Amino acid sequence: LREGPRLLAGLRPRPKLPAPAPAVLNPQGLTDGRAELIRRVLSGAEADLARLETAATRTADPEGALVLGRLAALGRRIVRGIAAKPQRFEAAQRLLTHHLDRAAFLGGLISAEPAPDRDKLADVLRVLGRMEMLFLQVETEIAGGDGRDLDLELKVIDQALDEDIRRR
């Protein structure tokens, strides 16, 4: 029954993929308290990523499934990047503690039965698109980008996302 809209849309059910192994934190140079904080945040992020991946496989909208899949892949790379370079945690902290949860929530909205109406779906996809930009910028910063140029952009996107989510 869950596959009904997917089959009507001409899509095949996506196979269930095994869950990726959780990222392992490299605690070198961290205090115990800092390492524990980062572990807790990464653990919560893993749970949000699982929700996001589930939503990507359940949504009947092809564009929604693609956006959610890309966000999940970006989120996984960010989590692995922070686990490998925990000194860059500040660059991703808000994304991991706030935006990832919001993305999973929005993914749940568009994957719910019955599917949202076209206008609501378009609004959610627009917000998810903005989130994707934020995820890409955070990934770049974690990978070793300078970050000074991105700080202002991240703040502007962060504020715009908060405003969009408040309107939902």
Protein backbone atom coordinates (compact mmCIF):
# COMPACT_ATOMS: atom_id res chain seq x y z
CA LEU A 1 0.00 0.00 0.00
CA ARG A 2 2.86 2.45 0.76
CA GLU A 3 4.22 1.88 -2.74
CA GLY A 4 0.92 2.81 -4.43
CA PRO A 5 1.72 6.49 -5.18
CA ARG A 6 5.22 5.52 -6.22
CA LEU A 7 3.95 2.99 -8.74
CA LEU A 8 1.38 5.45 -10.06
CA ALA A 9 4.17 7.97 -10.57
CA GLY A 10 6.10 5.37 -12.58
CA LEU A 11 8.76 4.86 -9.94
CA ARG A 12 10.03 1.57 -8.69
CA PRO A 13 10.32 1.00 -4.97
CA ARG A 14 13.82 1.83 -3.77
CA PRO A 15 15.68 -1.07 -2.18
CA LYS A 16 16.45 -0.72 1.51
CA LEU A 17 20.15 -0.01 1.87
CA PRO A 18 22.11 -1.10 4.93
CA ALA A 19 22.66 1.68 7.43
CA PRO A 20 26.10 3.27 7.12
CA ALA A 21 28.50 2.70 9.98
CA PRO A 22 28.50 5.60 12.44
CA ALA A 23 31.38 8.03 12.19
CA VAL A 24 34.18 7.42 14.68
CA LEU A 25 35.47 10.53 16.41
CA ASN A 26 39.20 11.23 16.36
CA PRO A 27 39.59 12.69 19.90
CA GLN A 28 43.21 13.80 19.42
CA GLY A 29 43.75 17.22 20.98
CA LEU A 30 40.29 17.44 22.58
CA THR A 31 39.43 17.66 26.24
CA ASP A 32 37.22 14.86 27.54
CA GLY A 33 34.24 17.21 27.89
CA ARG A 34 34.65 18.56 24.37
CA ALA A 35 34.99 15.08 22.91
CA GLU A 36 31.84 13.97 24.74
CA LEU A 37 29.87 16.97 23.45
CA ILE A 38 30.94 16.25 19.89
CA ARG A 39 30.10 12.54 20.29
CA ARG A 40 26.60 13.43 21.53
CA VAL A 41 26.01 15.84 18.66
CA LEU A 42 27.28 13.33 16.09
CA SER A 43 25.08 10.62 17.59
CA GLY A 44 22.03 12.88 17.33
CA ALA A 45 23.01 13.77 13.78
CA GLU A 46 23.17 10.08 12.88
CA ALA A 47 19.57 9.67 14.09
CA ASP A 48 18.46 12.72 12.07
CA LEU A 49 20.26 11.37 9.00
CA ALA A 50 18.45 8.05 9.35
CA ARG A 51 15.12 9.94 9.43
CA LEU A 52 16.16 11.95 6.37
CA GLU A 53 17.17 8.81 4.46
CA THR A 54 13.89 7.12 5.37
CA ALA A 55 11.95 10.13 4.12
CA ALA A 56 13.95 10.07 0.86
CA THR A 57 12.97 6.48 0.23
CA ARG A 58 9.31 7.01 1.13
CA THR A 59 8.43 10.22 -0.68
CA ALA A 60 6.43 9.77 -3.86
CA ASP A 61 7.70 13.03 -5.35
CA PRO A 62 10.81 12.39 -7.49
CA GLU A 63 12.26 15.87 -6.93
CA GLY A 64 11.69 15.58 -3.19
CA ALA A 65 13.38 12.18 -3.11
CA LEU A 66 16.41 13.59 -4.93
CA VAL A 67 16.75 16.63 -2.69
CA LEU A 68 16.35 14.56 0.47
CA GLY A 69 18.88 12.02 -0.81
CA ARG A 70 21.40 14.76 -1.57
CA LEU A 71 20.89 16.33 1.86
CA ALA A 72 21.41 12.96 3.53
CA ALA A 73 24.61 12.35 1.54
CA LEU A 74 25.91 15.83 2.37
CA GLY A 75 25.00 15.32 6.02
CA ARG A 76 26.89 12.03 6.12
CA ARG A 77 29.98 13.67 4.62
CA ILE A 78 29.76 16.52 7.15
CA VAL A 79 29.47 14.07 10.06
CA ARG A 80 32.47 12.10 8.78
CA GLY A 81 34.39 15.35 8.30
CA ILE A 82 33.72 16.47 11.87
CA ALA A 83 34.61 13.02 13.21
CA ALA A 84 37.94 13.22 11.37
CA LYS A 85 38.59 16.91 12.16
CA PRO A 86 36.72 17.72 15.38
CA GLN A 87 38.53 21.05 15.65
CA ARG A 88 36.16 22.22 12.86
CA PHE A 89 33.10 21.36 14.93
CA GLU A 90 32.03 25.01 15.36
CA ALA A 91 31.59 25.32 11.59
CA ALA A 92 28.94 22.59 11.63
CA GLN A 93 27.47 22.75 15.13
CA ARG A 94 24.29 24.67 14.24
CA LEU A 95 23.73 22.57 11.15
CA LEU A 96 24.11 19.33 13.11
CA THR A 97 22.04 20.42 16.10
CA HIS A 98 19.29 22.39 14.37
CA HIS A 99 19.11 22.35 10.57
CA LEU A 100 19.56 18.62 10.16
CA ASP A 101 16.62 17.99 12.49
CA ARG A 102 14.54 20.55 10.56
CA ALA A 103 15.46 18.90 7.24
CA ALA A 104 14.38 15.52 8.59
CA PHE A 105 11.12 17.07 9.83
CA LEU A 106 10.43 18.62 6.43
CA GLY A 107 11.33 15.32 4.77
CA GLY A 108 8.73 13.66 6.97
CA LEU A 109 6.15 16.21 5.81
CA ILE A 110 6.63 15.48 2.11
CA SER A 111 6.86 11.72 2.59
CA ALA A 112 3.71 11.52 4.70
CA GLU A 113 0.51 9.87 3.55
CA PRO A 114 -1.46 11.52 2.10
CA ALA A 115 1.07 13.52 0.12
CA PRO A 116 1.00 17.29 0.66
CA ASP A 117 -0.72 19.50 -1.89
CA ARG A 118 1.38 20.95 -4.70
CA ASP A 119 1.72 24.41 -3.12
CA LYS A 120 2.92 23.06 0.23
CA LEU A 121 5.27 20.64 -1.55
CA ALA A 122 6.74 23.52 -3.59
CA ASP A 123 7.27 25.57 -0.41
CA VAL A 124 8.97 22.67 1.37
CA LEU A 125 11.17 21.93 -1.66
CA ARG A 126 12.22 25.59 -1.79
CA VAL A 127 13.27 25.49 1.88
CA LEU A 128 15.08 22.17 1.35
CA GLY A 129 16.91 23.73 -1.61
CA ARG A 130 18.13 26.55 0.63
CA MET A 131 19.18 23.97 3.20
CA GLU A 132 21.16 22.18 0.54
CA MET A 133 23.12 25.39 -0.11
CA LEU A 134 23.85 25.66 3.60
CA PHE A 135 24.96 22.01 3.79
CA LEU A 136 27.28 22.54 0.80
CA GLN A 137 28.82 25.63 2.36
CA VAL A 138 29.39 23.89 5.69
CA GLU A 139 30.93 20.91 3.89
CA THR A 140 33.30 23.28 2.07
CA GLU A 141 34.29 24.98 5.30
CA ILE A 142 34.94 21.66 7.04
CA ALA A 143 36.98 20.38 4.13
CA GLY A 144 39.45 23.16 4.70
CA GLY A 145 37.98 26.22 3.06
CA ASP A 146 39.03 29.57 4.47
CA GLY A 147 35.64 30.10 6.00
CA ARG A 148 35.92 33.85 6.53
CA ASP A 149 34.03 34.51 3.28
CA LEU A 150 31.43 31.91 4.19
CA ASP A 151 30.66 33.15 7.70
CA LEU A 152 28.44 35.99 6.55
CA GLU A 153 26.76 33.84 3.88
CA LEU A 154 26.09 31.10 6.45
CA LYS A 155 24.51 33.61 8.83
CA VAL A 156 22.27 35.02 6.09
CA ILE A 157 21.17 31.56 4.95
CA ASP A 158 20.69 30.48 8.56
CA GLN A 159 18.42 33.46 9.25
CA ALA A 160 16.45 32.91 6.03
CA LEU A 161 15.94 29.24 6.87
CA ASP A 162 14.76 30.07 10.37
CA GLU A 163 12.28 32.56 8.93
CA ASP A 164 11.01 30.05 6.33
CA ILE A 165 10.59 27.33 8.95
CA ARG A 166 8.78 29.70 11.34
CA ARG A 167 6.23 30.41 8.59
CA ARG A 168 5.40 26.68 8.24
